[in-house]
PDB file of N, CA and C in Angstrom:
ATOM      1  N   MET A   1      25.508 -29.333   8.343  1.00  0.00           N
ATOM      2  CA  MET A   1      25.350 -29.042   7.386  1.00  0.00           C
ATOM      3  C   MET A   1      24.020 -29.436   6.503  1.00  0.00           C
ATOM      4  N   PRO A   2      23.281 -28.291   6.168  1.00  0.00           N
ATOM      5  CA  PRO A   2      21.971 -28.900   5.186  1.00  0.00           C
ATOM      6  C   PRO A   2      22.461 -29.295   4.170  1.00  0.00           C
ATOM      7  N   ALA A   3      21.413 -30.213   3.413  1.00  0.00           N
ATOM      8  CA  ALA A   3      21.318 -30.920   2.022  1.00  0.00           C
ATOM      9  C   ALA A   3      21.400 -29.761   1.128  1.00  0.00           C
ATOM     10  N   ALA A   4      22.017 -29.755   0.200  1.00  0.00           N
ATOM     11  CA  ALA A   4      22.060 -29.156  -0.918  1.00  0.00           C
ATOM     12  C   ALA A   4      20.517 -28.992  -1.399  1.00  0.00           C
ATOM     13  N   ASP A   5      20.183 -27.782  -1.971  1.00  0.00           N
ATOM     14  CA  ASP A   5      18.950 -27.324  -2.673  1.00  0.00           C
ATOM     15  C   ASP A   5      18.614 -28.000  -4.025  1.00  0.00           C
ATOM     16  N   GLN A   6      17.775 -29.106  -4.086  1.00  0.00           N
ATOM     17  CA  GLN A   6      17.359 -29.856  -5.237  1.00  0.00           C
ATOM     18  C   GLN A   6      16.715 -28.768  -6.539  1.00  0.00           C
ATOM     19  N   ASN A   7      16.344 -27.655  -5.858  1.00  0.00           N
ATOM     20  CA  ASN A   7      15.704 -26.680  -6.924  1.00  0.00           C
ATOM     21  C   ASN A   7      16.771 -25.539  -7.365  1.00  0.00           C
ATOM     22  N   THR A   8      17.677 -25.831  -7.075  1.00  0.00           N
ATOM     23  CA  THR A   8      18.803 -24.898  -7.440  1.00  0.00           C
ATOM     24  C   THR A   8      19.109 -24.876  -8.995  1.00  0.00           C
ATOM     25  N   THR A   9      18.755 -23.747  -9.796  1.00  0.00           N
ATOM     26  CA  THR A   9      19.136 -23.657 -11.276  1.00  0.00           C
ATOM     27  C   THR A   9      20.635 -23.930 -11.407  1.00  0.00           C
ATOM     28  N   PRO A  10      21.037 -24.613 -12.520  1.00  0.00           N
ATOM     29  CA  PRO A  10      22.369 -24.445 -12.697  1.00  0.00           C
ATOM     30  C   PRO A  10      22.733 -23.258 -13.530  1.00  0.00           C
ATOM     31  N   PRO A  11      24.050 -22.662 -13.491  1.00  0.00           N
ATOM     32  CA  PRO A  11      24.357 -21.507 -14.033  1.00  0.00           C
ATOM     33  C   PRO A  11      24.480 -21.818 -15.814  1.00  0.00           C
ATOM     34  N   GLY A  12      23.718 -20.617 -16.314  1.00  0.00           N
ATOM     35  CA  GLY A  12      23.500 -20.778 -17.779  1.00  0.00           C
ATOM     36  C   GLY A  12      22.323 -21.273 -18.172  1.00  0.00           C
ATOM     37  N   PHE A  13      21.345 -21.838 -17.061  1.00  0.00           N
ATOM     38  CA  PHE A  13      20.046 -22.592 -17.441  1.00  0.00           C
ATOM     39  C   PHE A  13      18.947 -21.499 -17.375  1.00  0.00           C
ATOM     40  N   SER A  14      17.881 -21.366 -18.225  1.00  0.00           N
ATOM     41  CA  SER A  14      16.961 -20.369 -17.979  1.00  0.00           C
ATOM     42  C   SER A  14      15.670 -20.898 -18.865  1.00  0.00           C
ATOM     43  N   ILE A  15      14.498 -20.634 -18.315  1.00  0.00           N
ATOM     44  CA  ILE A  15      13.357 -20.712 -18.923  1.00  0.00           C
ATOM     45  C   ILE A  15      12.765 -19.388 -18.944  1.00  0.00           C
ATOM     46  N   THR A  16      12.293 -18.829 -20.114  1.00  0.00           N
ATOM     47  CA  THR A  16      11.357 -17.525 -20.138  1.00  0.00           C
ATOM     48  C   THR A  16      10.246 -17.912 -20.670  1.00  0.00           C
ATOM     49  N   LEU A  17       9.030 -17.508 -20.362  1.00  0.00           N
ATOM     50  CA  LEU A  17       7.612 -17.594 -21.018  1.00  0.00           C
ATOM     51  C   LEU A  17       7.175 -16.434 -21.305  1.00  0.00           C
ATOM     52  N   ASP A  18       6.592 -16.491 -22.483  1.00  0.00           N
ATOM     53  CA  ASP A  18       6.033 -15.366 -23.292  1.00  0.00           C
ATOM     54  C   ASP A  18       4.671 -15.746 -23.439  1.00  0.00           C
ATOM     55  N   ALA A  19       3.715 -15.680 -22.218  1.00  0.00           N
ATOM     56  CA  ALA A  19       2.463 -16.086 -22.365  1.00  0.00           C
ATOM     57  C   ALA A  19       1.491 -15.139 -23.067  1.00  0.00           C
ATOM     58  N   ASP A  20       1.914 -13.858 -23.252  1.00  0.00           N
ATOM     59  CA  ASP A  20       0.933 -12.837 -23.729  1.00  0.00           C
ATOM     60  C   ASP A  20       0.925 -12.748 -25.338  1.00  0.00           C
ATOM     61  N   ALA A  21       1.953 -13.401 -25.801  1.00  0.00           N
ATOM     62  CA  ALA A  21       1.851 -13.360 -27.553  1.00  0.00           C
ATOM     63  C   ALA A  21       0.858 -14.352 -27.842  1.00  0.00           C
ATOM     64  N   SER A  22       0.695 -13.860 -29.236  1.00  0.00           N
ATOM     65  CA  SER A  22      -0.794 -14.417 -29.769  1.00  0.00           C
ATOM     66  C   SER A  22      -0.331 -16.101 -29.875  1.00  0.00           C
ATOM     67  N   GLU A  23       0.799 -16.342 -29.828  1.00  0.00           N
ATOM     68  CA  GLU A  23       1.316 -17.631 -29.927  1.00  0.00           C
ATOM     69  C   GLU A  23       2.272 -17.740 -28.856  1.00  0.00           C
ATOM     70  N   PRO A  24       2.066 -18.141 -27.736  1.00  0.00           N
ATOM     71  CA  PRO A  24       3.044 -18.521 -26.531  1.00  0.00           C
ATOM     72  C   PRO A  24       4.091 -19.124 -26.733  1.00  0.00           C
ATOM     73  N   ARG A  25       5.160 -18.562 -26.307  1.00  0.00           N
ATOM     74  CA  ARG A  25       6.328 -19.390 -26.634  1.00  0.00           C
ATOM     75  C   ARG A  25       7.190 -19.629 -25.170  1.00  0.00           C
ATOM     76  N   VAL A  26       7.654 -20.851 -25.113  1.00  0.00           N
ATOM     77  CA  VAL A  26       8.667 -21.028 -24.036  1.00  0.00           C
ATOM     78  C   VAL A  26      10.134 -21.097 -24.295  1.00  0.00           C
ATOM     79  N   VAL A  27      10.983 -20.141 -24.222  1.00  0.00           N
ATOM     80  CA  VAL A  27      12.246 -20.259 -24.316  1.00  0.00           C
ATOM     81  C   VAL A  27      13.146 -20.592 -23.469  1.00  0.00           C
ATOM     82  N   VAL A  28      14.111 -21.937 -23.946  1.00  0.00           N
ATOM     83  CA  VAL A  28      14.965 -22.619 -23.005  1.00  0.00           C
ATOM     84  C   VAL A  28      16.532 -22.308 -23.511  1.00  0.00           C
ATOM     85  N   THR A  29      17.289 -22.160 -22.328  1.00  0.00           N
ATOM     86  CA  THR A  29      18.706 -22.003 -22.521  1.00  0.00           C
ATOM     87  C   THR A  29      19.285 -22.806 -21.797  1.00  0.00           C
ATOM     88  N   GLY A  30      20.535 -23.508 -22.002  1.00  0.00           N
ATOM     89  CA  GLY A  30      21.465 -24.124 -21.128  1.00  0.00           C
ATOM     90  C   GLY A  30      21.093 -25.779 -21.413  1.00  0.00           C
ATOM     91  N   GLU A  31      21.473 -26.443 -20.093  1.00  0.00           N
ATOM     92  CA  GLU A  31      21.268 -27.896 -20.219  1.00  0.00           C
ATOM     93  C   GLU A  31      19.702 -28.422 -19.804  1.00  0.00           C
ATOM     94  N   LEU A  32      19.264 -29.319 -20.424  1.00  0.00           N
ATOM     95  CA  LEU A  32      18.004 -29.637 -20.153  1.00  0.00           C
ATOM     96  C   LEU A  32      18.273 -31.350 -19.681  1.00  0.00           C
ATOM     97  N   ASP A  33      18.130 -31.504 -18.576  1.00  0.00           N
ATOM     98  CA  ASP A  33      18.748 -32.984 -18.041  1.00  0.00           C
ATOM     99  C   ASP A  33      17.402 -33.071 -16.715  1.00  0.00           C
ATOM    100  N   LEU A  34      17.749 -34.136 -15.896  1.00  0.00           N
ATOM    101  CA  LEU A  34      17.145 -34.716 -15.100  1.00  0.00           C
ATOM    102  C   LEU A  34      16.975 -33.762 -13.988  1.00  0.00           C
ATOM    103  N   LEU A  35      17.988 -32.790 -13.863  1.00  0.00           N
ATOM    104  CA  LEU A  35      17.869 -31.671 -12.432  1.00  0.00           C
ATOM    105  C   LEU A  35      16.865 -30.332 -13.240  1.00  0.00           C
ATOM    106  N   THR A  36      16.677 -30.185 -14.469  1.00  0.00           N
ATOM    107  CA  THR A  36      15.997 -28.977 -15.154  1.00  0.00           C
ATOM    108  C   THR A  36      14.849 -29.346 -15.875  1.00  0.00           C
ATOM    109  N   SER A  37      14.603 -30.554 -16.409  1.00  0.00           N
ATOM    110  CA  SER A  37      13.716 -31.095 -17.272  1.00  0.00           C
ATOM    111  C   SER A  37      12.319 -30.872 -16.198  1.00  0.00           C
ATOM    112  N   PRO A  38      12.220 -31.114 -15.044  1.00  0.00           N
ATOM    113  CA  PRO A  38      10.877 -30.666 -14.347  1.00  0.00           C
ATOM    114  C   PRO A  38      10.423 -29.623 -14.599  1.00  0.00           C
ATOM    115  N   GLN A  39      11.401 -28.523 -14.669  1.00  0.00           N
ATOM    116  CA  GLN A  39      10.995 -27.040 -14.614  1.00  0.00           C
ATOM    117  C   GLN A  39      10.278 -26.857 -15.878  1.00  0.00           C
ATOM    118  N   LEU A  40      10.842 -27.436 -17.131  1.00  0.00           N
ATOM    119  CA  LEU A  40      10.117 -27.426 -18.415  1.00  0.00           C
ATOM    120  C   LEU A  40       8.846 -27.907 -18.265  1.00  0.00           C
ATOM    121  N   GLN A  41       8.852 -29.288 -17.788  1.00  0.00           N
ATOM    122  CA  GLN A  41       7.494 -29.861 -17.644  1.00  0.00           C
ATOM    123  C   GLN A  41       6.490 -28.864 -16.916  1.00  0.00           C
ATOM    124  N   GLU A  42       6.828 -28.269 -15.887  1.00  0.00           N
ATOM    125  CA  GLU A  42       5.689 -27.543 -15.077  1.00  0.00           C
ATOM    126  C   GLU A  42       5.277 -26.240 -16.173  1.00  0.00           C
ATOM    127  N   THR A  43       6.708 -25.596 -16.812  1.00  0.00           N
ATOM    128  CA  THR A  43       6.086 -24.438 -17.487  1.00  0.00           C
ATOM    129  C   THR A  43       5.280 -24.889 -18.693  1.00  0.00           C
ATOM    130  N   LEU A  44       5.442 -25.881 -19.444  1.00  0.00           N
ATOM    131  CA  LEU A  44       4.769 -26.038 -20.624  1.00  0.00           C
ATOM    132  C   LEU A  44       3.249 -26.812 -20.353  1.00  0.00           C
ATOM    133  N   GLY A  45       3.241 -27.571 -19.062  1.00  0.00           N
ATOM    134  CA  GLY A  45       2.103 -28.173 -18.504  1.00  0.00           C
ATOM    135  C   GLY A  45       1.120 -27.135 -18.198  1.00  0.00           C
ATOM    136  N   ALA A  46       1.851 -26.184 -17.383  1.00  0.00           N
ATOM    137  CA  ALA A  46       0.775 -25.021 -16.882  1.00  0.00           C
ATOM    138  C   ALA A  46       0.473 -24.040 -18.380  1.00  0.00           C
ATOM    139  N   LEU A  47       1.140 -23.905 -19.066  1.00  0.00           N
ATOM    140  CA  LEU A  47       0.647 -23.106 -20.526  1.00  0.00           C
ATOM    141  C   LEU A  47      -0.037 -23.948 -21.384  1.00  0.00           C
ATOM    142  N   ILE A  48       0.044 -25.251 -21.456  1.00  0.00           N
ATOM    143  CA  ILE A  48      -1.035 -25.962 -22.256  1.00  0.00           C
ATOM    144  C   ILE A  48      -2.346 -26.218 -21.560  1.00  0.00           C
ATOM    145  N   THR A  49      -2.484 -26.451 -20.557  1.00  0.00           N
ATOM    146  CA  THR A  49      -3.533 -26.503 -19.524  1.00  0.00           C
ATOM    147  C   THR A  49      -4.386 -25.093 -19.816  1.00  0.00           C
ATOM    148  N   ASP A  50      -3.612 -24.251 -19.729  1.00  0.00           N
ATOM    149  CA  ASP A  50      -4.351 -22.861 -19.703  1.00  0.00           C
ATOM    150  C   ASP A  50      -4.672 -22.084 -21.283  1.00  0.00           C
ATOM    151  N   LYS A  51      -4.165 -23.010 -22.153  1.00  0.00           N
ATOM    152  CA  LYS A  51      -4.654 -22.456 -23.460  1.00  0.00           C
ATOM    153  C   LYS A  51      -5.665 -23.410 -24.065  1.00  0.00           C
ATOM    154  N   PRO A  52      -6.956 -22.904 -24.281  1.00  0.00           N
ATOM    155  CA  PRO A  52      -8.094 -23.559 -24.963  1.00  0.00           C
ATOM    156  C   PRO A  52      -7.776 -24.299 -26.224  1.00  0.00           C
ATOM    157  N   SER A  53      -7.137 -23.594 -26.909  1.00  0.00           N
ATOM    158  CA  SER A  53      -6.771 -24.235 -28.076  1.00  0.00           C
ATOM    159  C   SER A  53      -5.499 -23.202 -28.859  1.00  0.00           C
ATOM    160  N   GLY A  54      -5.263 -23.634 -30.004  1.00  0.00           N
ATOM    161  CA  GLY A  54      -4.310 -22.899 -30.546  1.00  0.00           C
ATOM    162  C   GLY A  54      -2.874 -23.438 -30.489  1.00  0.00           C
ATOM    163  N   ARG A  55      -1.779 -22.820 -30.654  1.00  0.00           N
ATOM    164  CA  ARG A  55      -0.448 -23.186 -30.781  1.00  0.00           C
ATOM    165  C   ARG A  55       0.543 -22.651 -29.528  1.00  0.00           C
ATOM    166  N   VAL A  56       1.510 -23.424 -28.954  1.00  0.00           N
ATOM    167  CA  VAL A  56       2.404 -23.123 -28.304  1.00  0.00           C
ATOM    168  C   VAL A  56       3.858 -23.445 -28.899  1.00  0.00           C
ATOM    169  N   VAL A  57       4.543 -22.647 -28.715  1.00  0.00           N
ATOM    170  CA  VAL A  57       6.044 -22.948 -29.386  1.00  0.00           C
ATOM    171  C   VAL A  57       7.021 -23.012 -28.314  1.00  0.00           C
ATOM    172  N   ALA A  58       7.781 -24.088 -28.107  1.00  0.00           N
ATOM    173  CA  ALA A  58       9.023 -24.423 -27.372  1.00  0.00           C
ATOM    174  C   ALA A  58      10.241 -24.169 -28.273  1.00  0.00           C
ATOM    175  N   ASP A  59      10.920 -22.992 -28.012  1.00  0.00           N
ATOM    176  CA  ASP A  59      12.258 -22.488 -28.817  1.00  0.00           C
ATOM    177  C   ASP A  59      13.094 -23.322 -27.783  1.00  0.00           C
ATOM    178  N   LEU A  60      13.816 -24.407 -28.124  1.00  0.00           N
ATOM    179  CA  LEU A  60      14.759 -25.004 -27.861  1.00  0.00           C
ATOM    180  C   LEU A  60      16.069 -24.621 -28.386  1.00  0.00           C
ATOM    181  N   THR A  61      16.157 -23.501 -29.286  1.00  0.00           N
ATOM    182  CA  THR A  61      17.503 -23.359 -29.829  1.00  0.00           C
ATOM    183  C   THR A  61      18.698 -22.895 -28.850  1.00  0.00           C
ATOM    184  N   GLY A  62      18.580 -22.614 -27.919  1.00  0.00           N
ATOM    185  CA  GLY A  62      19.375 -22.244 -26.872  1.00  0.00           C
ATOM    186  C   GLY A  62      19.869 -23.653 -25.843  1.00  0.00           C
ATOM    187  N   VAL A  63      19.408 -24.642 -26.269  1.00  0.00           N
ATOM    188  CA  VAL A  63      19.425 -25.976 -25.490  1.00  0.00           C
ATOM    189  C   VAL A  63      20.878 -26.433 -25.905  1.00  0.00           C
ATOM    190  N   THR A  64      21.781 -26.854 -24.776  1.00  0.00           N
ATOM    191  CA  THR A  64      23.275 -27.207 -25.268  1.00  0.00           C
ATOM    192  C   THR A  64      23.641 -28.720 -24.813  1.00  0.00           C
ATOM    193  N   PHE A  65      22.551 -29.305 -24.043  1.00  0.00           N
ATOM    194  CA  PHE A  65      22.514 -30.605 -23.749  1.00  0.00           C
ATOM    195  C   PHE A  65      20.905 -30.971 -23.639  1.00  0.00           C
ATOM    196  N   PHE A  66      20.690 -32.082 -24.231  1.00  0.00           N
ATOM    197  CA  PHE A  66      19.383 -32.554 -23.790  1.00  0.00           C
ATOM    198  C   PHE A  66      19.371 -34.090 -23.781  1.00  0.00           C
ATOM    199  N   ASP A  67      18.979 -34.629 -22.781  1.00  0.00           N
ATOM    200  CA  ASP A  67      18.968 -36.144 -22.246  1.00  0.00           C
ATOM    201  C   ASP A  67      17.431 -36.758 -22.416  1.00  0.00           C
ATOM    202  N   SER A  68      17.649 -38.052 -21.792  1.00  0.00           N
ATOM    203  CA  SER A  68      16.384 -38.871 -21.986  1.00  0.00           C
ATOM    204  C   SER A  68      15.349 -38.180 -21.312  1.00  0.00           C
ATOM    205  N   SER A  69      15.387 -37.630 -20.029  1.00  0.00           N
ATOM    206  CA  SER A  69      14.435 -37.055 -19.239  1.00  0.00           C
ATOM    207  C   SER A  69      13.604 -35.787 -19.746  1.00  0.00           C
ATOM    208  N   ALA A  70      14.642 -35.050 -20.485  1.00  0.00           N
ATOM    209  CA  ALA A  70      14.059 -33.971 -21.244  1.00  0.00           C
ATOM    210  C   ALA A  70      13.251 -34.477 -22.485  1.00  0.00           C
ATOM    211  N   LEU A  71      13.478 -35.422 -23.047  1.00  0.00           N
ATOM    212  CA  LEU A  71      12.776 -36.089 -24.289  1.00  0.00           C
ATOM    213  C   LEU A  71      11.722 -36.375 -23.828  1.00  0.00           C
ATOM    214  N   ASN A  72      11.658 -37.214 -22.436  1.00  0.00           N
ATOM    215  CA  ASN A  72      10.460 -37.502 -21.945  1.00  0.00           C
ATOM    216  C   ASN A  72       9.445 -36.470 -21.700  1.00  0.00           C
ATOM    217  N   VAL A  73       9.773 -35.440 -21.025  1.00  0.00           N
ATOM    218  CA  VAL A  73       9.106 -34.291 -21.033  1.00  0.00           C
ATOM    219  C   VAL A  73       8.596 -33.776 -21.988  1.00  0.00           C
ATOM    220  N   VAL A  74       8.974 -33.593 -23.311  1.00  0.00           N
ATOM    221  CA  VAL A  74       8.685 -33.090 -24.289  1.00  0.00           C
ATOM    222  C   VAL A  74       7.652 -34.025 -25.200  1.00  0.00           C
ATOM    223  N   LEU A  75       7.976 -35.284 -24.873  1.00  0.00           N
ATOM    224  CA  LEU A  75       6.853 -36.145 -25.670  1.00  0.00           C
ATOM    225  C   LEU A  75       5.469 -36.254 -24.694  1.00  0.00           C
ATOM    226  N   GLN A  76       5.671 -36.040 -23.304  1.00  0.00           N
ATOM    227  CA  GLN A  76       4.468 -36.039 -22.309  1.00  0.00           C
ATOM    228  C   GLN A  76       3.787 -34.771 -22.694  1.00  0.00           C
ATOM    229  N   ALA A  77       4.410 -33.746 -22.913  1.00  0.00           N
ATOM    230  CA  ALA A  77       3.828 -32.152 -23.107  1.00  0.00           C
ATOM    231  C   ALA A  77       3.056 -32.356 -24.430  1.00  0.00           C
ATOM    232  N   GLN A  78       3.829 -33.014 -25.326  1.00  0.00           N
ATOM    233  CA  GLN A  78       3.089 -33.303 -26.717  1.00  0.00           C
ATOM    234  C   GLN A  78       1.691 -34.309 -26.584  1.00  0.00           C
ATOM    235  N   ARG A  79       1.699 -35.238 -25.837  1.00  0.00           N
ATOM    236  CA  ARG A  79       0.480 -36.026 -25.556  1.00  0.00           C
ATOM    237  C   ARG A  79      -0.705 -35.120 -25.026  1.00  0.00           C
ATOM    238  N   GLN A  80      -0.200 -34.399 -23.970  1.00  0.00           N
ATOM    239  CA  GLN A  80      -1.335 -33.212 -23.102  1.00  0.00           C
ATOM    240  C   GLN A  80      -1.586 -32.160 -24.309  1.00  0.00           C
ATOM    241  N   ALA A  81      -0.878 -31.732 -24.889  1.00  0.00           N
ATOM    242  CA  ALA A  81      -1.187 -30.860 -25.843  1.00  0.00           C
ATOM    243  C   ALA A  81      -2.198 -31.341 -26.665  1.00  0.00           C
ATOM    244  N   ALA A  82      -1.932 -32.482 -27.558  1.00  0.00           N
ATOM    245  CA  ALA A  82      -2.978 -33.273 -28.231  1.00  0.00           C
ATOM    246  C   ALA A  82      -4.273 -33.354 -27.742  1.00  0.00           C
ATOM    247  N   GLU A  83      -4.293 -33.828 -26.282  1.00  0.00           N
ATOM    248  CA  GLU A  83      -5.658 -33.565 -25.907  1.00  0.00           C
ATOM    249  C   GLU A  83      -6.417 -32.683 -25.534  1.00  0.00           C
ATOM    250  N   LYS A  84      -5.682 -31.496 -25.372  1.00  0.00           N
ATOM    251  CA  LYS A  84      -6.442 -30.357 -25.221  1.00  0.00           C
ATOM    252  C   LYS A  84      -6.447 -29.645 -26.655  1.00  0.00           C
ATOM    253  N   ALA A  85      -6.495 -30.132 -27.762  1.00  0.00           N
ATOM    254  CA  ALA A  85      -6.504 -29.419 -29.058  1.00  0.00           C
ATOM    255  C   ALA A  85      -5.064 -28.398 -29.322  1.00  0.00           C
ATOM    256  N   VAL A  86      -4.085 -28.528 -28.483  1.00  0.00           N
ATOM    257  CA  VAL A  86      -2.943 -27.334 -28.803  1.00  0.00           C
ATOM    258  C   VAL A  86      -2.200 -27.878 -29.352  1.00  0.00           C
ATOM    259  N   GLU A  87      -1.354 -27.408 -30.375  1.00  0.00           N
ATOM    260  CA  GLU A  87      -0.443 -27.527 -31.202  1.00  0.00           C
ATOM    261  C   GLU A  87       1.172 -27.385 -30.396  1.00  0.00           C
ATOM    262  N   LEU A  88       1.576 -28.290 -30.225  1.00  0.00           N
ATOM    263  CA  LEU A  88       2.897 -27.854 -29.615  1.00  0.00           C
ATOM    264  C   LEU A  88       3.846 -28.159 -30.565  1.00  0.00           C
ATOM    265  N   GLU A  89       4.725 -26.796 -30.795  1.00  0.00           N
ATOM    266  CA  GLU A  89       5.765 -26.905 -32.031  1.00  0.00           C
ATOM    267  C   GLU A  89       7.033 -26.614 -31.167  1.00  0.00           C
ATOM    268  N   LEU A  90       8.043 -27.613 -31.467  1.00  0.00           N
ATOM    269  CA  LEU A  90       9.250 -27.419 -30.861  1.00  0.00           C
ATOM    270  C   LEU A  90      10.370 -26.910 -31.886  1.00  0.00           C
ATOM    271  N   VAL A  91      11.068 -25.938 -31.477  1.00  0.00           N
ATOM    272  CA  VAL A  91      12.224 -25.483 -32.601  1.00  0.00           C
ATOM    273  C   VAL A  91      13.463 -25.799 -31.911  1.00  0.00           C
ATOM    274  N   PRO A  92      14.156 -27.018 -32.344  1.00  0.00           N
ATOM    275  CA  PRO A  92      15.378 -27.508 -31.672  1.00  0.00           C
ATOM    276  C   PRO A  92      16.687 -26.913 -31.922  1.00  0.00           C
ATOM    277  N   SER A  93      17.625 -26.940 -30.923  1.00  0.00           N
ATOM    278  CA  SER A  93      19.002 -26.829 -31.201  1.00  0.00           C
ATOM    279  C   SER A  93      19.553 -28.059 -31.900  1.00  0.00           C
ATOM    280  N   PRO A  94      20.871 -28.114 -32.606  1.00  0.00           N
ATOM    281  CA  PRO A  94      21.543 -29.058 -32.992  1.00  0.00           C
ATOM    282  C   PRO A  94      21.237 -30.418 -32.109  1.00  0.00           C
ATOM    283  N   GLN A  95      21.550 -30.026 -30.829  1.00  0.00           N
ATOM    284  CA  GLN A  95      21.607 -31.284 -29.654  1.00  0.00           C
ATOM    285  C   GLN A  95      20.376 -31.950 -29.734  1.00  0.00           C
ATOM    286  N   VAL A  96      19.198 -30.890 -29.478  1.00  0.00           N
ATOM    287  CA  VAL A  96      17.903 -31.279 -29.516  1.00  0.00           C
ATOM    288  C   VAL A  96      17.585 -32.413 -30.712  1.00  0.00           C
ATOM    289  N   SER A  97      18.041 -31.721 -31.998  1.00  0.00           N
ATOM    290  CA  SER A  97      17.681 -32.616 -33.026  1.00  0.00           C
ATOM    291  C   SER A  97      18.225 -33.793 -33.233  1.00  0.00           C
ATOM    292  N   ARG A  98      19.569 -33.909 -32.802  1.00  0.00           N
ATOM    293  CA  ARG A  98      20.158 -35.030 -32.688  1.00  0.00           C
ATOM    294  C   ARG A  98      19.667 -36.260 -31.972  1.00  0.00           C
ATOM    295  N   VAL A  99      18.985 -35.912 -30.970  1.00  0.00           N
ATOM    296  CA  VAL A  99      18.501 -36.895 -30.018  1.00  0.00           C
ATOM    297  C   VAL A  99      17.242 -37.352 -30.430  1.00  0.00           C
ATOM    298  N   ILE A 100      16.445 -36.415 -30.966  1.00  0.00           N
ATOM    299  CA  ILE A 100      15.093 -36.500 -31.499  1.00  0.00           C
ATOM    300  C   ILE A 100      15.440 -37.576 -32.913  1.00  0.00           C
ATOM    301  N   GLU A 101      16.381 -37.515 -33.549  1.00  0.00           N
ATOM    302  CA  GLU A 101      16.615 -38.113 -34.694  1.00  0.00           C
ATOM    303  C   GLU A 101      17.118 -39.649 -34.394  1.00  0.00           C
ATOM    304  N   LEU A 102      18.151 -39.624 -33.275  1.00  0.00           N
ATOM    305  CA  LEU A 102      18.553 -40.976 -33.062  1.00  0.00           C
ATOM    306  C   LEU A 102      17.679 -41.879 -32.264  1.00  0.00           C
ATOM    307  N   THR A 103      16.681 -41.356 -31.724  1.00  0.00           N
ATOM    308  CA  THR A 103      15.533 -42.090 -31.009  1.00  0.00           C
ATOM    309  C   THR A 103      14.250 -42.225 -31.668  1.00  0.00           C
ATOM    310  N   GLY A 104      14.279 -41.705 -33.020  1.00  0.00           N
ATOM    311  CA  GLY A 104      13.148 -41.989 -33.926  1.00  0.00           C
ATOM    312  C   GLY A 104      12.000 -41.433 -33.426  1.00  0.00           C
ATOM    313  N   VAL A 105      11.805 -40.499 -32.396  1.00  0.00           N
ATOM    314  CA  VAL A 105      10.465 -39.980 -31.899  1.00  0.00           C
ATOM    315  C   VAL A 105      10.016 -38.786 -32.956  1.00  0.00           C
ATOM    316  N   ALA A 106      10.569 -38.457 -34.097  1.00  0.00           N
ATOM    317  CA  ALA A 106      10.333 -37.065 -34.893  1.00  0.00           C
ATOM    318  C   ALA A 106       8.727 -37.259 -35.260  1.00  0.00           C
ATOM    319  N   GLU A 107       8.536 -38.538 -35.892  1.00  0.00           N
ATOM    320  CA  GLU A 107       6.795 -38.542 -36.069  1.00  0.00           C
ATOM    321  C   GLU A 107       6.017 -38.276 -34.988  1.00  0.00           C
ATOM    322  N   HIS A 108       6.407 -38.337 -33.643  1.00  0.00           N
ATOM    323  CA  HIS A 108       5.590 -37.999 -32.985  1.00  0.00           C
ATOM    324  C   HIS A 108       5.665 -36.724 -32.423  1.00  0.00           C
ATOM    325  N   LEU A 109       6.265 -35.641 -32.998  1.00  0.00           N
ATOM    326  CA  LEU A 109       6.465 -34.391 -32.596  1.00  0.00           C
ATOM    327  C   LEU A 109       6.474 -33.448 -33.796  1.00  0.00           C
ATOM    328  N   SER A 110       6.058 -32.179 -33.431  1.00  0.00           N
ATOM    329  CA  SER A 110       5.865 -31.229 -34.112  1.00  0.00           C
ATOM    330  C   SER A 110       7.178 -30.409 -34.285  1.00  0.00           C
ATOM    331  N   VAL A 111       8.083 -30.635 -35.370  1.00  0.00           N
ATOM    332  CA  VAL A 111       9.419 -29.865 -35.151  1.00  0.00           C
ATOM    333  C   VAL A 111       9.548 -28.973 -36.232  1.00  0.00           C
ATOM    334  N   SER A 112      10.022 -27.722 -35.931  1.00  0.00           N
ATOM    335  CA  SER A 112       9.950 -26.712 -37.205  1.00  0.00           C
ATOM    336  C   SER A 112      11.853 -26.470 -37.112  1.00  0.00           C
ATOM    337  N   GLU A 113      12.277 -25.918 -37.906  1.00  0.00           N
ATOM    338  CA  GLU A 113      13.680 -25.528 -38.053  1.00  0.00           C
ATOM    339  C   GLU A 113      13.855 -24.001 -38.070  1.00  0.00           C
ATOM    340  N   GLU A 114      12.679 -23.691 -38.342  1.00  0.00           N
ATOM    341  CA  GLU A 114      12.633 -22.201 -38.314  1.00  0.00           C
ATOM    342  C   GLU A 114      12.538 -21.692 -36.811  1.00  0.00           C
ATOM    343  N   PRO A 115      13.333 -20.614 -36.290  1.00  0.00           N
ATOM    344  CA  PRO A 115      13.028 -19.933 -35.017  1.00  0.00           C
ATOM    345  C   PRO A 115      11.815 -19.193 -35.089  1.00  0.00           C
ATOM    346  N   PRO A 116      11.197 -19.110 -33.834  1.00  0.00           N
ATOM    347  CA  PRO A 116       9.947 -18.302 -33.983  1.00  0.00           C
ATOM    348  C   PRO A 116      10.347 -16.855 -34.062  1.00  0.00           C
ATOM    349  N   ALA A 117       9.218 -16.192 -34.613  1.00  0.00           N
ATOM    350  CA  ALA A 117       9.470 -14.867 -34.952  1.00  0.00           C
ATOM    351  C   ALA A 117       9.214 -14.118 -33.577  1.00  0.00           C
TER     352      ALA A 117
END
């Protein structure tokens, strides 16, 4: 029997990219964990690399679980964005806000409580 496909997306998880908007945004729903965080890293990394400057919005209002691997991805994306003169703005769900609060990394992130228009 073949090994399980490690790239299988769990039910309820999705990443939607709207790169054509004036402020590109990534919308994530479901659980962001060790299995799904690499997909967010790839999406944000490509978007930040391709954006010469400006702002990128990561809409995490649909995230139901957020672990340390997801937090690491967001912090790495923030560093990458700063190097490219791109503002990365996070719009967190309550679960994401709680992890940011508990870990004390809010000062390193641009967090908005307002969902993107």
